[in-house]
Amino acid sequence: MIRLTLWQVDRNAEIIDFNRRHNIGLHHLALEVKTEDELNVLYQKIKNLPGVKIEFSPELVGAGPRKHMMCCEPGGIRIEFIWQGV
């Protein structure tokens, strides 16, 4: 499953380079992984790749059991990897 999250712009704010809380644009791309282990392995593989910035490592979504992580690829697109906890 692929989920695109669109963020609504505060039209009273000055438009500047993309900021997920103030600008029109792709908020992030969410990609589902099948297992918690797959999420952890993915994190280990990408955390040291050149140009990739980890926003946060795998963590619970709310009270869980779902977990997710967020990173930015070298071009600046935020990518969320999420395990649904089932």
N, C-alpha and C. Protein backbone atom coordinates (compact mmCIF):
# COMPACT_ATOMS: atom_id res chain seq x y z
N MET A 1 0.83 -1.17 0.00
CA MET A 1 0.00 0.00 0.00
C MET A 1 0.88 1.24 0.00
N ILE A 2 0.49 2.23 -0.77
CA ILE A 2 1.18 3.52 -0.77
C ILE A 2 0.18 4.58 -0.33
N ARG A 3 0.58 5.43 0.62
CA ARG A 3 -0.29 6.49 1.11
C ARG A 3 0.39 7.83 0.86
N LEU A 4 -0.29 8.73 0.15
CA LEU A 4 0.22 10.08 -0.05
C LEU A 4 -0.52 11.00 0.92
N THR A 5 0.23 11.76 1.71
CA THR A 5 -0.35 12.69 2.66
C THR A 5 -0.17 14.10 2.12
N LEU A 6 -1.26 14.81 1.89
CA LEU A 6 -1.20 16.18 1.40
C LEU A 6 -1.45 17.12 2.56
N TRP A 7 -0.65 18.17 2.67
CA TRP A 7 -0.74 19.10 3.78
C TRP A 7 -1.36 20.40 3.28
N GLN A 8 -2.33 20.93 3.98
CA GLN A 8 -2.98 22.17 3.59
C GLN A 8 -2.13 23.36 4.03
N VAL A 9 -1.99 24.33 3.14
CA VAL A 9 -1.19 25.52 3.41
C VAL A 9 -2.00 26.54 4.21
N ASP A 10 -1.33 27.20 5.13
CA ASP A 10 -1.90 28.35 5.80
C ASP A 10 -1.75 29.52 4.82
N ARG A 11 -2.83 29.90 4.19
CA ARG A 11 -2.77 30.92 3.13
C ARG A 11 -2.42 32.31 3.65
N ASN A 12 -2.40 32.50 4.96
CA ASN A 12 -1.99 33.78 5.53
C ASN A 12 -0.48 33.87 5.71
N ALA A 13 0.20 32.75 5.57
CA ALA A 13 1.65 32.72 5.76
C ALA A 13 2.37 33.03 4.44
N GLU A 14 3.56 33.57 4.55
CA GLU A 14 4.39 33.82 3.38
C GLU A 14 4.87 32.46 2.85
N ILE A 15 4.81 32.28 1.53
CA ILE A 15 5.25 31.02 0.92
C ILE A 15 6.78 31.05 0.81
N ILE A 16 7.41 30.03 1.37
CA ILE A 16 8.87 29.92 1.39
C ILE A 16 9.25 28.53 0.90
N ASP A 17 10.54 28.21 0.88
CA ASP A 17 10.96 26.86 0.52
C ASP A 17 10.16 25.86 1.31
N PHE A 18 9.97 24.68 0.76
CA PHE A 18 9.06 23.72 1.36
C PHE A 18 9.32 23.51 2.84
N ASN A 19 8.25 23.64 3.59
CA ASN A 19 8.22 23.36 5.01
C ASN A 19 6.91 22.62 5.24
N ARG A 20 6.96 21.43 5.77
CA ARG A 20 5.78 20.58 5.83
C ARG A 20 4.60 21.19 6.60
N ARG A 21 4.83 22.21 7.38
CA ARG A 21 3.75 22.83 8.14
C ARG A 21 3.21 24.12 7.49
N HIS A 22 3.91 24.63 6.47
CA HIS A 22 3.51 25.92 5.91
C HIS A 22 3.37 25.95 4.39
N ASN A 23 3.77 24.91 3.68
CA ASN A 23 3.80 24.98 2.23
C ASN A 23 2.97 23.90 1.55
N ILE A 24 2.51 24.22 0.36
CA ILE A 24 1.88 23.24 -0.51
C ILE A 24 2.97 22.31 -1.02
N GLY A 25 2.68 21.05 -1.07
CA GLY A 25 3.64 20.10 -1.62
C GLY A 25 3.49 18.74 -0.97
N LEU A 26 4.32 17.85 -1.37
CA LEU A 26 4.29 16.50 -0.85
C LEU A 26 4.79 16.51 0.58
N HIS A 27 3.92 16.16 1.53
CA HIS A 27 4.31 16.12 2.94
C HIS A 27 5.29 14.97 3.16
N HIS A 28 4.90 13.78 2.76
CA HIS A 28 5.81 12.63 2.78
C HIS A 28 5.19 11.48 2.03
N LEU A 29 6.01 10.52 1.68
CA LEU A 29 5.57 9.29 1.05
C LEU A 29 5.64 8.20 2.10
N ALA A 30 4.53 7.48 2.33
CA ALA A 30 4.49 6.41 3.33
C ALA A 30 4.49 5.07 2.62
N LEU A 31 5.41 4.22 3.01
CA LEU A 31 5.52 2.87 2.44
C LEU A 31 5.39 1.85 3.56
N GLU A 32 4.51 0.90 3.37
CA GLU A 32 4.27 -0.13 4.39
C GLU A 32 5.24 -1.29 4.22
N VAL A 33 5.76 -1.77 5.34
CA VAL A 33 6.57 -2.99 5.35
C VAL A 33 5.77 -4.08 6.05
N LYS A 34 6.07 -5.33 5.75
CA LYS A 34 5.24 -6.44 6.24
C LYS A 34 5.49 -6.82 7.69
N THR A 35 6.71 -6.66 8.16
CA THR A 35 7.03 -7.11 9.52
C THR A 35 7.85 -6.07 10.27
N GLU A 36 7.84 -6.18 11.58
CA GLU A 36 8.67 -5.30 12.42
C GLU A 36 10.15 -5.54 12.13
N ASP A 37 10.53 -6.80 11.93
CA ASP A 37 11.92 -7.11 11.60
C ASP A 37 12.34 -6.44 10.30
N GLU A 38 11.45 -6.43 9.32
CA GLU A 38 11.75 -5.79 8.04
C GLU A 38 11.99 -4.28 8.25
N LEU A 39 11.21 -3.66 9.11
CA LEU A 39 11.38 -2.25 9.41
C LEU A 39 12.75 -2.00 10.04
N ASN A 40 13.13 -2.84 11.00
CA ASN A 40 14.42 -2.69 11.68
C ASN A 40 15.59 -2.93 10.74
N VAL A 41 15.49 -3.93 9.88
CA VAL A 41 16.55 -4.22 8.91
C VAL A 41 16.69 -3.06 7.93
N LEU A 42 15.58 -2.52 7.48
CA LEU A 42 15.60 -1.39 6.56
C LEU A 42 16.30 -0.19 7.21
N TYR A 43 15.97 0.09 8.46
CA TYR A 43 16.62 1.18 9.18
C TYR A 43 18.13 0.98 9.22
N GLN A 44 18.58 -0.22 9.56
CA GLN A 44 20.02 -0.51 9.63
C GLN A 44 20.69 -0.32 8.28
N LYS A 45 19.99 -0.65 7.19
CA LYS A 45 20.57 -0.53 5.84
C LYS A 45 20.69 0.92 5.39
N ILE A 46 19.73 1.77 5.76
CA ILE A 46 19.74 3.12 5.19
C ILE A 46 20.32 4.19 6.11
N LYS A 47 20.52 3.89 7.39
CA LYS A 47 20.90 4.95 8.34
C LYS A 47 22.25 5.59 8.02
N ASN A 48 23.13 4.91 7.34
CA ASN A 48 24.45 5.48 7.04
C ASN A 48 24.66 5.75 5.56
N LEU A 49 23.60 5.69 4.76
CA LEU A 49 23.74 5.98 3.34
C LEU A 49 24.02 7.46 3.13
N PRO A 50 24.93 7.79 2.21
CA PRO A 50 25.25 9.20 1.96
C PRO A 50 24.00 9.98 1.53
N GLY A 51 23.80 11.13 2.14
CA GLY A 51 22.71 12.01 1.76
C GLY A 51 21.37 11.68 2.38
N VAL A 52 21.25 10.54 3.04
CA VAL A 52 19.99 10.17 3.70
C VAL A 52 20.02 10.71 5.13
N LYS A 53 18.96 11.41 5.50
CA LYS A 53 18.87 11.94 6.86
C LYS A 53 17.75 11.21 7.59
N ILE A 54 18.06 10.63 8.71
CA ILE A 54 17.06 9.95 9.53
C ILE A 54 16.40 10.98 10.44
N GLU A 55 15.10 11.14 10.28
CA GLU A 55 14.35 12.06 11.16
C GLU A 55 14.09 11.39 12.50
N PHE A 56 13.68 10.12 12.46
CA PHE A 56 13.60 9.31 13.68
C PHE A 56 13.66 7.84 13.31
N SER A 57 14.29 7.06 14.18
CA SER A 57 14.43 5.62 13.99
C SER A 57 13.09 4.94 14.33
N PRO A 58 12.96 3.62 14.07
CA PRO A 58 11.70 2.95 14.34
C PRO A 58 11.20 3.20 15.77
N GLU A 59 9.94 3.65 15.84
CA GLU A 59 9.32 3.92 17.14
C GLU A 59 7.83 3.63 17.05
N LEU A 60 7.21 3.51 18.21
CA LEU A 60 5.78 3.24 18.27
C LEU A 60 4.98 4.40 17.67
N VAL A 61 3.88 4.06 17.04
CA VAL A 61 2.89 5.05 16.62
C VAL A 61 1.85 5.09 17.73
N GLY A 62 1.74 6.20 18.42
CA GLY A 62 0.82 6.28 19.55
C GLY A 62 1.19 5.24 20.60
N ALA A 63 0.19 4.48 21.03
CA ALA A 63 0.41 3.44 22.04
C ALA A 63 0.86 2.12 21.43
N GLY A 64 1.02 2.08 20.09
CA GLY A 64 1.45 0.86 19.43
C GLY A 64 0.30 -0.09 19.19
N PRO A 65 0.51 -1.25 18.69
CA PRO A 65 1.81 -1.85 18.40
C PRO A 65 2.44 -1.37 17.08
N ARG A 66 1.71 -0.54 16.31
CA ARG A 66 2.30 -0.06 15.04
C ARG A 66 3.60 0.67 15.32
N LYS A 67 4.54 0.56 14.37
CA LYS A 67 5.81 1.27 14.45
C LYS A 67 6.11 1.89 13.10
N HIS A 68 6.86 3.00 13.17
CA HIS A 68 7.28 3.64 11.93
C HIS A 68 8.60 4.35 12.13
N MET A 69 9.19 4.76 11.02
CA MET A 69 10.40 5.58 11.02
C MET A 69 10.26 6.59 9.90
N MET A 70 11.01 7.68 9.98
CA MET A 70 10.94 8.71 8.97
C MET A 70 12.36 9.10 8.57
N CYS A 71 12.56 9.27 7.27
CA CYS A 71 13.85 9.71 6.77
C CYS A 71 13.63 10.65 5.59
N CYS A 72 14.68 11.33 5.18
CA CYS A 72 14.66 12.16 3.98
C CYS A 72 15.68 11.60 3.02
N GLU A 73 15.24 11.36 1.78
CA GLU A 73 16.17 10.87 0.77
C GLU A 73 17.03 12.05 0.31
N PRO A 74 18.13 11.80 -0.42
CA PRO A 74 19.05 12.88 -0.76
C PRO A 74 18.41 14.09 -1.45
N GLY A 75 17.31 13.89 -2.17
CA GLY A 75 16.63 15.00 -2.83
C GLY A 75 15.72 15.78 -1.90
N GLY A 76 15.54 15.32 -0.65
CA GLY A 76 14.77 16.04 0.34
C GLY A 76 13.37 15.52 0.57
N ILE A 77 12.92 14.50 -0.17
CA ILE A 77 11.58 13.96 0.04
C ILE A 77 11.57 13.14 1.32
N ARG A 78 10.59 13.43 2.19
CA ARG A 78 10.43 12.67 3.43
C ARG A 78 9.75 11.34 3.11
N ILE A 79 10.31 10.26 3.63
CA ILE A 79 9.75 8.93 3.41
C ILE A 79 9.51 8.28 4.77
N GLU A 80 8.29 7.81 4.95
CA GLU A 80 7.92 7.09 6.17
C GLU A 80 7.82 5.61 5.82
N PHE A 81 8.44 4.78 6.62
CA PHE A 81 8.27 3.33 6.52
C PHE A 81 7.47 2.91 7.74
N ILE A 82 6.38 2.18 7.51
CA ILE A 82 5.48 1.85 8.61
C ILE A 82 5.12 0.37 8.60
N TRP A 83 5.13 -0.22 9.80
CA TRP A 83 4.66 -1.59 10.03
C TRP A 83 3.36 -1.45 10.81
N GLN A 84 2.31 -2.08 10.33
CA GLN A 84 0.98 -1.89 10.89
C GLN A 84 0.74 -2.61 12.22
N GLY A 85 1.68 -3.43 12.65
CA GLY A 85 1.57 -4.04 13.97
C GLY A 85 0.73 -5.29 14.03
N VAL A 86 0.43 -5.86 12.89
CA VAL A 86 -0.36 -7.10 12.87
C VAL A 86 0.31 -8.14 12.00
